[in-house]
Amino acid sequence: MTDKIYRISFDLLEDVFQTLEALANISSATKSEVIRDGISYYKFITNIIKDGGKLIVVDKDGEFHKVTIKDS
């Protein structure tokens, strides 16, 4: 069974588009792959927080940072 593919179109500000291109370049991915991954990461993070959990990131210096999502 194959997943149905939907084609969408949306506008991005120039700085956001440049960030998207940079992310695609450094990860050797397409812009579509970067967007799909971003959606998956966002879903994961929001589900953790929605369920009462916390997402903590440890940087290269061993410092902890809490990830927060703005309420819509």
PDB file of N, CA and C in Angstrom:
ATOM      1  N   MET A   1       0.840  -1.177   0.000  1.00  0.00           N
ATOM      2  CA  MET A   1       0.000   0.000   0.000  1.00  0.00           C
ATOM      3  C   MET A   1       0.889   1.245   0.000  1.00  0.00           C
ATOM      4  N   THR A   2       0.574   2.204  -0.854  1.00  0.00           N
ATOM      5  CA  THR A   2       1.354   3.434  -0.898  1.00  0.00           C
ATOM      6  C   THR A   2       0.570   4.572  -0.270  1.00  0.00           C
ATOM      7  N   ASP A   3       1.304   5.498   0.329  1.00  0.00           N
ATOM      8  CA  ASP A   3       0.670   6.675   0.914  1.00  0.00           C
ATOM      9  C   ASP A   3       0.292   7.647  -0.195  1.00  0.00           C
ATOM     10  N   LYS A   4      -0.829   8.295  -0.030  1.00  0.00           N
ATOM     11  CA  LYS A   4      -1.249   9.315  -0.986  1.00  0.00           C
ATOM     12  C   LYS A   4      -0.361  10.537  -0.804  1.00  0.00           C
ATOM     13  N   ILE A   5       0.048  11.135  -1.892  1.00  0.00           N
ATOM     14  CA  ILE A   5       0.912  12.313  -1.849  1.00  0.00           C
ATOM     15  C   ILE A   5       0.083  13.540  -2.188  1.00  0.00           C
ATOM     16  N   TYR A   6       0.230  14.570  -1.367  1.00  0.00           N
ATOM     17  CA  TYR A   6      -0.463  15.833  -1.577  1.00  0.00           C
ATOM     18  C   TYR A   6       0.560  16.895  -1.970  1.00  0.00           C
ATOM     19  N   ARG A   7       0.234  17.691  -2.947  1.00  0.00           N
ATOM     20  CA  ARG A   7       1.104  18.790  -3.363  1.00  0.00           C
ATOM     21  C   ARG A   7       0.534  20.068  -2.765  1.00  0.00           C
ATOM     22  N   ILE A   8       1.395  20.829  -2.090  1.00  0.00           N
ATOM     23  CA  ILE A   8       0.954  22.094  -1.504  1.00  0.00           C
ATOM     24  C   ILE A   8       1.875  23.212  -1.974  1.00  0.00           C
ATOM     25  N   SER A   9       1.388  24.403  -1.830  1.00  0.00           N
ATOM     26  CA  SER A   9       2.167  25.580  -2.198  1.00  0.00           C
ATOM     27  C   SER A   9       1.975  26.625  -1.111  1.00  0.00           C
ATOM     28  N   PHE A  10       3.057  27.281  -0.708  1.00  0.00           N
ATOM     29  CA  PHE A  10       2.953  28.326   0.299  1.00  0.00           C
ATOM     30  C   PHE A  10       4.092  29.305   0.116  1.00  0.00           C
ATOM     31  N   ASP A  11       3.925  30.475   0.697  1.00  0.00           N
ATOM     32  CA  ASP A  11       4.903  31.548   0.570  1.00  0.00           C
ATOM     33  C   ASP A  11       5.825  31.561   1.785  1.00  0.00           C
ATOM     34  N   LEU A  12       7.097  31.883   1.555  1.00  0.00           N
ATOM     35  CA  LEU A  12       8.075  32.030   2.627  1.00  0.00           C
ATOM     36  C   LEU A  12       8.769  33.370   2.478  1.00  0.00           C
ATOM     37  N   LEU A  13       9.048  33.997   3.593  1.00  0.00           N
ATOM     38  CA  LEU A  13       9.883  35.188   3.553  1.00  0.00           C
ATOM     39  C   LEU A  13      11.290  34.782   3.116  1.00  0.00           C
ATOM     40  N   GLU A  14      12.028  35.734   2.571  1.00  0.00           N
ATOM     41  CA  GLU A  14      13.346  35.419   2.021  1.00  0.00           C
ATOM     42  C   GLU A  14      14.280  34.785   3.053  1.00  0.00           C
ATOM     43  N   ASP A  15      14.305  35.325   4.279  1.00  0.00           N
ATOM     44  CA  ASP A  15      15.218  34.772   5.276  1.00  0.00           C
ATOM     45  C   ASP A  15      14.838  33.342   5.664  1.00  0.00           C
ATOM     46  N   VAL A  16      13.541  33.045   5.683  1.00  0.00           N
ATOM     47  CA  VAL A  16      13.098  31.685   5.998  1.00  0.00           C
ATOM     48  C   VAL A  16      13.472  30.742   4.858  1.00  0.00           C
ATOM     49  N   PHE A  17      13.301  31.204   3.617  1.00  0.00           N
ATOM     50  CA  PHE A  17      13.676  30.382   2.468  1.00  0.00           C
ATOM     51  C   PHE A  17      15.180  30.114   2.456  1.00  0.00           C
ATOM     52  N   GLN A  18      15.980  31.121   2.781  1.00  0.00           N
ATOM     53  CA  GLN A  18      17.429  30.928   2.838  1.00  0.00           C
ATOM     54  C   GLN A  18      17.804  29.929   3.931  1.00  0.00           C
ATOM     55  N   THR A  19      17.106  29.973   5.052  1.00  0.00           N
ATOM     56  CA  THR A  19      17.342  28.991   6.115  1.00  0.00           C
ATOM     57  C   THR A  19      16.991  27.599   5.632  1.00  0.00           C
ATOM     58  N   LEU A  20      15.867  27.457   4.939  1.00  0.00           N
ATOM     59  CA  LEU A  20      15.460  26.167   4.389  1.00  0.00           C
ATOM     60  C   LEU A  20      16.511  25.629   3.429  1.00  0.00           C
ATOM     61  N   GLU A  21      17.012  26.479   2.542  1.00  0.00           N
ATOM     62  CA  GLU A  21      18.058  26.054   1.609  1.00  0.00           C
ATOM     63  C   GLU A  21      19.328  25.643   2.342  1.00  0.00           C
ATOM     64  N   ALA A  22      19.711  26.405   3.359  1.00  0.00           N
ATOM     65  CA  ALA A  22      20.922  26.085   4.125  1.00  0.00           C
ATOM     66  C   ALA A  22      20.765  24.745   4.835  1.00  0.00           C
ATOM     67  N   LEU A  23      19.609  24.507   5.441  1.00  0.00           N
ATOM     68  CA  LEU A  23      19.367  23.232   6.117  1.00  0.00           C
ATOM     69  C   LEU A  23      19.417  22.072   5.136  1.00  0.00           C
ATOM     70  N   ALA A  24      18.856  22.269   3.955  1.00  0.00           N
ATOM     71  CA  ALA A  24      18.902  21.226   2.930  1.00  0.00           C
ATOM     72  C   ALA A  24      20.338  20.950   2.510  1.00  0.00           C
ATOM     73  N   ASN A  25      21.115  21.994   2.340  1.00  0.00           N
ATOM     74  CA  ASN A  25      22.507  21.824   1.912  1.00  0.00           C
ATOM     75  C   ASN A  25      23.356  21.112   2.958  1.00  0.00           C
ATOM     76  N   ILE A  26      23.226  21.515   4.224  1.00  0.00           N
ATOM     77  CA  ILE A  26      24.091  20.903   5.240  1.00  0.00           C
ATOM     78  C   ILE A  26      23.687  19.472   5.560  1.00  0.00           C
ATOM     79  N   SER A  27      22.434  19.115   5.260  1.00  0.00           N
ATOM     80  CA  SER A  27      21.991  17.748   5.548  1.00  0.00           C
ATOM     81  C   SER A  27      21.904  16.888   4.293  1.00  0.00           C
ATOM     82  N   SER A  28      22.335  17.434   3.153  1.00  0.00           N
ATOM     83  CA  SER A  28      22.263  16.718   1.864  1.00  0.00           C
ATOM     84  C   SER A  28      20.856  16.174   1.619  1.00  0.00           C
ATOM     85  N   ALA A  29      19.875  17.005   1.893  1.00  0.00           N
ATOM     86  CA  ALA A  29      18.475  16.625   1.721  1.00  0.00           C
ATOM     87  C   ALA A  29      17.817  17.620   0.767  1.00  0.00           C
ATOM     88  N   THR A  30      16.635  17.258   0.319  1.00  0.00           N
ATOM     89  CA  THR A  30      15.856  18.202  -0.464  1.00  0.00           C
ATOM     90  C   THR A  30      15.126  19.147   0.486  1.00  0.00           C
ATOM     91  N   LYS A  31      14.662  20.255  -0.049  1.00  0.00           N
ATOM     92  CA  LYS A  31      13.876  21.173   0.773  1.00  0.00           C
ATOM     93  C   LYS A  31      12.598  20.491   1.263  1.00  0.00           C
ATOM     94  N   SER A  32      12.009  19.650   0.424  1.00  0.00           N
ATOM     95  CA  SER A  32      10.810  18.911   0.840  1.00  0.00           C
ATOM     96  C   SER A  32      11.115  17.981   2.012  1.00  0.00           C
ATOM     97  N   GLU A  33      12.264  17.310   1.969  1.00  0.00           N
ATOM     98  CA  GLU A  33      12.643  16.421   3.074  1.00  0.00           C
ATOM     99  C   GLU A  33      12.838  17.205   4.363  1.00  0.00           C
ATOM    100  N   VAL A  34      13.451  18.380   4.262  1.00  0.00           N
ATOM    101  CA  VAL A  34      13.656  19.213   5.450  1.00  0.00           C
ATOM    102  C   VAL A  34      12.310  19.615   6.041  1.00  0.00           C
ATOM    103  N   ILE A  35      11.370  20.003   5.195  1.00  0.00           N
ATOM    104  CA  ILE A  35      10.039  20.390   5.680  1.00  0.00           C
ATOM    105  C   ILE A  35       9.330  19.196   6.312  1.00  0.00           C
ATOM    106  N   ARG A  36       9.385  18.034   5.665  1.00  0.00           N
ATOM    107  CA  ARG A  36       8.746  16.836   6.239  1.00  0.00           C
ATOM    108  C   ARG A  36       9.365  16.474   7.581  1.00  0.00           C
ATOM    109  N   ASP A  37      10.702  16.527   7.663  1.00  0.00           N
ATOM    110  CA  ASP A  37      11.371  16.243   8.939  1.00  0.00           C
ATOM    111  C   ASP A  37      10.965  17.254  10.002  1.00  0.00           C
ATOM    112  N   GLY A  38      10.891  18.527   9.613  1.00  0.00           N
ATOM    113  CA  GLY A  38      10.495  19.569  10.560  1.00  0.00           C
ATOM    114  C   GLY A  38       9.110  19.319  11.130  1.00  0.00           C
ATOM    115  N   ILE A  39       8.191  18.886  10.279  1.00  0.00           N
ATOM    116  CA  ILE A  39       6.835  18.566  10.737  1.00  0.00           C
ATOM    117  C   ILE A  39       6.868  17.391  11.709  1.00  0.00           C
ATOM    118  N   SER A  40       7.672  16.375  11.405  1.00  0.00           N
ATOM    119  CA  SER A  40       7.784  15.216  12.304  1.00  0.00           C
ATOM    120  C   SER A  40       8.373  15.616  13.653  1.00  0.00           C
ATOM    121  N   TYR A  41       9.420  16.454  13.632  1.00  0.00           N
ATOM    122  CA  TYR A  41      10.029  16.913  14.885  1.00  0.00           C
ATOM    123  C   TYR A  41       9.032  17.735  15.690  1.00  0.00           C
ATOM    124  N   TYR A  42       8.307  18.616  15.024  1.00  0.00           N
ATOM    125  CA  TYR A  42       7.327  19.463  15.700  1.00  0.00           C
ATOM    126  C   TYR A  42       6.238  18.611  16.340  1.00  0.00           C
ATOM    127  N   LYS A  43       5.765  17.605  15.618  1.00  0.00           N
ATOM    128  CA  LYS A  43       4.748  16.696  16.161  1.00  0.00           C
ATOM    129  C   LYS A  43       5.278  15.986  17.399  1.00  0.00           C
ATOM    130  N   PHE A  44       6.499  15.477  17.334  1.00  0.00           N
ATOM    131  CA  PHE A  44       7.107  14.782  18.467  1.00  0.00           C
ATOM    132  C   PHE A  44       7.190  15.698  19.684  1.00  0.00           C
ATOM    133  N   ILE A  45       7.702  16.906  19.478  1.00  0.00           N
ATOM    134  CA  ILE A  45       7.894  17.843  20.584  1.00  0.00           C
ATOM    135  C   ILE A  45       6.557  18.257  21.184  1.00  0.00           C
ATOM    136  N   THR A  46       5.587  18.594  20.340  1.00  0.00           N
ATOM    137  CA  THR A  46       4.295  19.025  20.873  1.00  0.00           C
ATOM    138  C   THR A  46       3.575  17.899  21.600  1.00  0.00           C
ATOM    139  N   ASN A  47       3.735  16.665  21.128  1.00  0.00           N
ATOM    140  CA  ASN A  47       3.117  15.535  21.836  1.00  0.00           C
ATOM    141  C   ASN A  47       3.748  15.334  23.211  1.00  0.00           C
ATOM    142  N   ILE A  48       5.054  15.466  23.306  1.00  0.00           N
ATOM    143  CA  ILE A  48       5.734  15.352  24.606  1.00  0.00           C
ATOM    144  C   ILE A  48       5.192  16.398  25.568  1.00  0.00           C
ATOM    145  N   ILE A  49       5.155  17.643  25.110  1.00  0.00           N
ATOM    146  CA  ILE A  49       4.727  18.745  25.970  1.00  0.00           C
ATOM    147  C   ILE A  49       3.243  18.634  26.300  1.00  0.00           C
ATOM    148  N   LYS A  50       2.416  18.282  25.312  1.00  0.00           N
ATOM    149  CA  LYS A  50       0.962  18.140  25.512  1.00  0.00           C
ATOM    150  C   LYS A  50       0.662  17.085  26.570  1.00  0.00           C
ATOM    151  N   ASP A  51       1.478  16.026  26.599  1.00  0.00           N
ATOM    152  CA  ASP A  51       1.276  14.941  27.557  1.00  0.00           C
ATOM    153  C   ASP A  51       1.902  15.231  28.918  1.00  0.00           C
ATOM    154  N   GLY A  52       2.352  16.475  29.117  1.00  0.00           N
ATOM    155  CA  GLY A  52       2.882  16.869  30.420  1.00  0.00           C
ATOM    156  C   GLY A  52       4.378  16.679  30.575  1.00  0.00           C
ATOM    157  N   GLY A  53       5.052  16.241  29.528  1.00  0.00           N
ATOM    158  CA  GLY A  53       6.493  16.049  29.596  1.00  0.00           C
ATOM    159  C   GLY A  53       7.251  17.324  29.300  1.00  0.00           C
ATOM    160  N   LYS A  54       8.554  17.223  29.376  1.00  0.00           N
ATOM    161  CA  LYS A  54       9.441  18.343  29.072  1.00  0.00           C
ATOM    162  C   LYS A  54      10.515  17.846  28.127  1.00  0.00           C
ATOM    163  N   LEU A  55      10.914  18.700  27.242  1.00  0.00           N
ATOM    164  CA  LEU A  55      11.985  18.358  26.314  1.00  0.00           C
ATOM    165  C   LEU A  55      13.208  19.176  26.695  1.00  0.00           C
ATOM    166  N   ILE A  56      14.282  18.487  26.988  1.00  0.00           N
ATOM    167  CA  ILE A  56      15.523  19.132  27.400  1.00  0.00           C
ATOM    168  C   ILE A  56      16.605  18.820  26.365  1.00  0.00           C
ATOM    169  N   VAL A  57      17.345  19.846  25.974  1.00  0.00           N
ATOM    170  CA  VAL A  57      18.441  19.687  25.028  1.00  0.00           C
ATOM    171  C   VAL A  57      19.743  19.936  25.775  1.00  0.00           C
ATOM    172  N   VAL A  58      20.724  19.098  25.528  1.00  0.00           N
ATOM    173  CA  VAL A  58      22.050  19.278  26.117  1.00  0.00           C
ATOM    174  C   VAL A  58      22.975  19.750  25.008  1.00  0.00           C
ATOM    175  N   ASP A  59      23.589  20.926  25.192  1.00  0.00           N
ATOM    176  CA  ASP A  59      24.485  21.446  24.168  1.00  0.00           C
ATOM    177  C   ASP A  59      25.873  20.825  24.284  1.00  0.00           C
ATOM    178  N   LYS A  60      26.764  21.207  23.390  1.00  0.00           N
ATOM    179  CA  LYS A  60      28.104  20.602  23.343  1.00  0.00           C
ATOM    180  C   LYS A  60      28.917  20.851  24.601  1.00  0.00           C
ATOM    181  N   ASP A  61      28.543  21.888  25.376  1.00  0.00           N
ATOM    182  CA  ASP A  61      29.249  22.191  26.614  1.00  0.00           C
ATOM    183  C   ASP A  61      28.620  21.507  27.826  1.00  0.00           C
ATOM    184  N   GLY A  62      27.609  20.667  27.580  1.00  0.00           N
ATOM    185  CA  GLY A  62      26.954  19.949  28.657  1.00  0.00           C
ATOM    186  C   GLY A  62      25.891  20.749  29.383  1.00  0.00           C
ATOM    187  N   GLU A  63      25.542  21.922  28.848  1.00  0.00           N
ATOM    188  CA  GLU A  63      24.518  22.741  29.480  1.00  0.00           C
ATOM    189  C   GLU A  63      23.136  22.303  29.003  1.00  0.00           C
ATOM    190  N   PHE A  64      22.178  22.338  29.929  1.00  0.00           N
ATOM    191  CA  PHE A  64      20.817  21.920  29.642  1.00  0.00           C
ATOM    192  C   PHE A  64      19.966  23.120  29.235  1.00  0.00           C
ATOM    193  N   HIS A  65      19.086  22.898  28.270  1.00  0.00           N
ATOM    194  CA  HIS A  65      18.172  23.940  27.805  1.00  0.00           C
ATOM    195  C   HIS A  65      16.785  23.327  27.644  1.00  0.00           C
ATOM    196  N   LYS A  66      15.789  23.943  28.265  1.00  0.00           N
ATOM    197  CA  LYS A  66      14.410  23.472  28.143  1.00  0.00           C
ATOM    198  C   LYS A  66      13.837  24.009  26.824  1.00  0.00           C
ATOM    199  N   VAL A  67      13.180  23.141  26.070  1.00  0.00           N
ATOM    200  CA  VAL A  67      12.539  23.541  24.819  1.00  0.00           C
ATOM    201  C   VAL A  67      11.099  23.901  25.135  1.00  0.00           C
ATOM    202  N   THR A  68      10.677  25.080  24.694  1.00  0.00           N
ATOM    203  CA  THR A  68       9.305  25.500  24.896  1.00  0.00           C
ATOM    204  C   THR A  68       8.661  25.821  23.547  1.00  0.00           C
ATOM    205  N   ILE A  69       7.361  25.607  23.474  1.00  0.00           N
ATOM    206  CA  ILE A  69       6.585  25.913  22.293  1.00  0.00           C
ATOM    207  C   ILE A  69       5.581  26.987  22.679  1.00  0.00           C
ATOM    208  N   LYS A  70       5.515  28.042  21.893  1.00  0.00           N
ATOM    209  CA  LYS A  70       4.546  29.099  22.157  1.00  0.00           C
ATOM    210  C   LYS A  70       3.138  28.557  21.995  1.00  0.00           C
ATOM    211  N   ASP A  71       2.240  28.999  22.884  1.00  0.00           N
ATOM    212  CA  ASP A  71       0.827  28.638  22.745  1.00  0.00           C
ATOM    213  C   ASP A  71       0.257  29.399  21.573  1.00  0.00           C
ATOM    214  N   SER A  72      -0.594  28.740  20.819  1.00  0.00           N
ATOM    215  CA  SER A  72      -1.223  29.396  19.675  1.00  0.00           C
ATOM    216  C   SER A  72      -2.444  30.136  20.120  1.00  0.00           C
TER     217      SER A  72
END
